[in-house]
């Protein structure tokens, strides 16, 4: 039986009590929680800990706000799912986070622990599905390459190879479309 993969979360907030509270709630659920007190430190941890799959970041932080931080994560670590934690009531914060940081969800401060746990649970379900999609597309790509090799040896298989190429393109387009949401 395959061992259960650890689920790693990075919590970034300049307030220690927020980091500790989130760490306690998520740690009780079995998640491995890494903590950072700034966006700069969060980026450093992401570089040092490539196992991190999910980031929960505060919006209002000195130096680098949450939108700027999540935008950098999107660019440098596109497979890391991003959640914004904010007490800011301005809807523009949410809009900028979606447009620039491609956040998965928002959690309002003060948060509800049950809603937090459910949101994180479904974030990891999304992560697992995206990993499976990438694995399946890689397998399909390998099969298409085998078919291309066969086509060179057996030219009459070309019609079959074209159908497989079309299937690969459709699968990749679907993955790009669903990963962006």
Protein backbone atom coordinates (compact mmCIF):
# COMPACT_ATOMS: atom_id res chain seq x y z
CA UNK A 1 0.00 0.00 0.00
CA UNK A 2 1.24 3.49 -0.89
CA UNK A 3 2.19 5.70 2.06
CA UNK A 4 0.09 8.80 2.53
CA UNK A 5 1.98 11.83 1.27
CA UNK A 6 2.53 14.56 3.84
CA UNK A 7 0.57 17.71 3.18
CA UNK A 8 2.72 20.80 3.67
CA UNK A 9 1.36 24.29 4.28
CA UNK A 10 3.20 27.59 4.56
CA UNK A 11 1.47 30.20 6.74
CA UNK A 12 2.72 33.75 6.19
CA UNK A 13 1.57 36.49 8.56
CA UNK A 14 3.41 39.26 10.36
CA UNK A 15 1.40 38.65 13.54
CA UNK A 16 2.81 35.82 15.65
CA UNK A 17 -0.50 34.98 17.35
CA UNK A 18 -2.16 34.51 13.93
CA UNK A 19 0.65 32.21 12.74
CA UNK A 20 0.52 30.20 15.96
CA UNK A 21 -3.29 29.92 15.91
CA UNK A 22 -3.36 28.74 12.30
CA UNK A 23 -0.50 26.35 12.99
CA UNK A 24 -2.35 24.84 15.95
CA UNK A 25 -5.62 24.34 14.04
CA UNK A 26 -3.95 22.90 10.95
CA UNK A 27 -1.41 20.84 12.90
CA UNK A 28 -4.26 19.06 14.72
CA UNK A 29 -5.59 18.05 11.29
CA UNK A 30 -2.28 16.35 10.47
CA UNK A 31 -0.81 18.99 8.17
CA UNK A 32 2.87 19.90 8.34
CA UNK A 33 2.86 23.66 8.91
CA UNK A 34 5.78 25.96 8.08
CA UNK A 35 5.68 29.54 9.38
CA UNK A 36 7.02 32.83 8.00
CA UNK A 37 6.60 36.35 9.34
CA UNK A 38 7.00 38.14 5.98
CA UNK A 39 6.68 37.64 2.26
CA UNK A 40 10.45 37.70 1.88
CA UNK A 41 10.87 34.92 4.46
CA UNK A 42 8.00 33.00 2.82
CA UNK A 43 9.76 33.08 -0.55
CA UNK A 44 12.95 31.86 1.09
CA UNK A 45 11.10 28.95 2.75
CA UNK A 46 9.46 27.99 -0.55
CA UNK A 47 12.90 27.79 -2.14
CA UNK A 48 14.30 25.74 0.79
CA UNK A 49 11.21 23.52 1.21
CA UNK A 50 9.98 22.41 -2.23
CA UNK A 51 7.51 20.08 -0.47
CA UNK A 52 5.20 23.00 0.34
CA UNK A 53 1.98 22.60 -1.63
CA UNK A 54 -0.27 25.31 -0.14
CA UNK A 55 0.35 28.87 1.05
CA UNK A 56 -1.97 30.82 3.31
CA UNK A 57 -0.91 34.45 3.35
CA UNK A 58 -2.10 37.55 5.14
CA UNK A 59 -2.80 40.57 2.98
CA UNK A 60 -1.58 43.40 5.22
CA UNK A 61 2.11 42.84 5.91
CA UNK A 62 5.00 45.30 6.01
CA UNK A 63 7.46 45.26 3.12
CA UNK A 64 5.45 43.12 0.71
CA UNK A 65 1.68 42.81 0.84
CA UNK A 66 -0.11 39.52 0.30
CA UNK A 67 -1.05 40.23 -3.31
CA UNK A 68 2.56 40.97 -4.27
CA UNK A 69 3.70 37.87 -2.39
CA UNK A 70 1.13 35.55 -3.97
CA UNK A 71 1.88 36.97 -7.42
CA UNK A 72 5.56 36.05 -6.97
CA UNK A 73 4.56 32.55 -5.82
CA UNK A 74 2.35 32.14 -8.90
CA UNK A 75 5.32 33.07 -11.11
CA UNK A 76 8.02 31.08 -9.29
CA UNK A 77 6.01 28.13 -7.94
CA UNK A 78 2.94 27.80 -10.20
CA UNK A 79 1.82 24.46 -8.73
CA UNK A 80 1.58 25.84 -5.19
CA UNK A 81 -2.04 26.63 -4.30
CA UNK A 82 -2.58 30.09 -2.81
CA UNK A 83 -5.09 31.23 -0.17
CA UNK A 84 -5.46 34.84 0.97
CA UNK A 85 -6.19 35.59 4.62
CA UNK A 86 -7.49 39.11 5.10
CA UNK A 87 -9.41 41.38 7.40
CA UNK A 88 -9.45 44.06 4.71
CA UNK A 89 -13.08 44.79 3.74
CA UNK A 90 -12.10 46.44 0.41
CA UNK A 91 -13.42 44.35 -2.50
CA UNK A 92 -10.52 45.62 -4.63
CA UNK A 93 -8.21 43.49 -2.47
CA UNK A 94 -10.12 40.40 -3.53
CA UNK A 95 -10.18 41.44 -7.19
CA UNK A 96 -6.43 42.17 -7.25
CA UNK A 97 -5.71 38.86 -5.52
CA UNK A 98 -7.70 36.95 -8.11
CA UNK A 99 -6.24 38.84 -11.07
CA UNK A 100 -2.61 39.04 -9.94
CA UNK A 101 -2.10 36.17 -7.51
CA UNK A 102 -4.67 33.71 -8.88
CA UNK A 103 -5.76 32.81 -5.37
CA UNK A 104 -7.72 29.63 -4.79
CA UNK A 105 -9.87 31.02 -1.94
CA UNK A 106 -10.18 33.84 0.58
CA UNK A 107 -10.49 33.44 4.30
CA UNK A 108 -11.75 36.46 6.21
CA UNK A 109 -10.25 37.47 9.56
CA UNK A 110 -11.36 36.55 12.09
CA UNK A 111 -11.70 33.11 10.56
CA UNK A 112 -13.98 30.25 11.51
CA UNK A 113 -11.89 27.15 12.29
CA UNK A 114 -14.39 24.80 10.64
CA UNK A 115 -14.44 26.86 7.45
CA UNK A 116 -10.64 27.01 7.52
CA UNK A 117 -10.34 23.22 7.83
CA UNK A 118 -12.87 22.62 5.04
CA UNK A 119 -11.18 25.14 2.73
CA UNK A 120 -7.76 23.60 3.29
CA UNK A 121 -9.16 20.07 2.85
CA UNK A 122 -10.64 20.98 -0.55
CA UNK A 123 -7.47 22.83 -1.55
CA UNK A 124 -5.55 19.59 -1.07
CA UNK A 125 -8.20 17.68 -3.03
CA UNK A 126 -7.58 20.16 -5.87
CA UNK A 127 -3.81 19.72 -5.52
CA UNK A 128 -4.18 15.94 -5.72
CA UNK A 129 -6.37 16.16 -8.84
CA UNK A 130 -3.94 18.53 -10.57
CA UNK A 131 -1.01 16.23 -9.74
CA UNK A 132 -2.94 13.29 -11.17
CA UNK A 133 -3.77 15.30 -14.31
CA UNK A 134 -0.09 16.15 -14.81
CA UNK A 135 0.85 12.49 -14.31
CA UNK A 136 -1.75 11.32 -16.82
CA UNK A 137 -0.73 13.91 -19.41
CA UNK A 138 2.92 12.84 -19.02
CA UNK A 139 1.86 9.20 -19.56
CA UNK A 140 -0.17 10.20 -22.61
CA UNK A 141 2.80 12.16 -23.98
CA UNK A 142 5.02 9.07 -23.58
CA UNK A 143 2.44 6.97 -25.43
CA UNK A 144 2.25 9.49 -28.26
CA UNK A 145 6.04 9.35 -28.59
CA UNK A 146 5.89 5.55 -28.82
CA UNK A 147 3.24 5.87 -31.52
CA UNK A 148 5.42 8.31 -33.45
CA UNK A 149 8.29 5.83 -33.31
CA UNK A 150 5.94 3.10 -34.55
CA UNK A 151 4.69 5.37 -37.34
CA UNK A 152 8.22 5.80 -38.62
CA UNK A 153 8.58 2.01 -38.72
CA UNK A 154 5.00 1.36 -39.89
CA UNK A 155 3.67 4.35 -41.89
CA UNK A 156 0.12 2.99 -42.13
CA UNK A 157 -0.35 3.80 -38.41
CA UNK A 158 -0.24 7.56 -39.13
CA UNK A 159 -4.01 8.02 -38.89
CA UNK A 160 -3.98 6.54 -35.39
CA UNK A 161 -1.08 8.78 -34.33
CA UNK A 162 -2.95 11.90 -35.49
CA UNK A 163 -5.94 10.92 -33.33
CA UNK A 164 -3.65 10.53 -30.30
CA UNK A 165 -2.03 13.93 -30.94
CA UNK A 166 -5.46 15.52 -30.98
CA UNK A 167 -6.33 13.79 -27.69
CA UNK A 168 -3.13 15.07 -26.09
CA UNK A 169 -3.77 18.63 -27.22
CA UNK A 170 -7.33 18.50 -25.87
CA UNK A 171 -6.15 17.08 -22.53
CA UNK A 172 -3.46 19.75 -22.17
CA UNK A 173 -5.88 22.54 -23.06
CA UNK A 174 -8.36 21.21 -20.52
CA UNK A 175 -5.67 21.06 -17.82
CA UNK A 176 -4.58 24.64 -18.50
CA UNK A 177 -8.20 25.83 -18.40
CA UNK A 178 -9.05 23.99 -15.14
CA UNK A 179 -5.76 24.83 -13.41
CA UNK A 180 -6.39 28.52 -13.88
CA UNK A 181 -9.69 28.39 -11.96
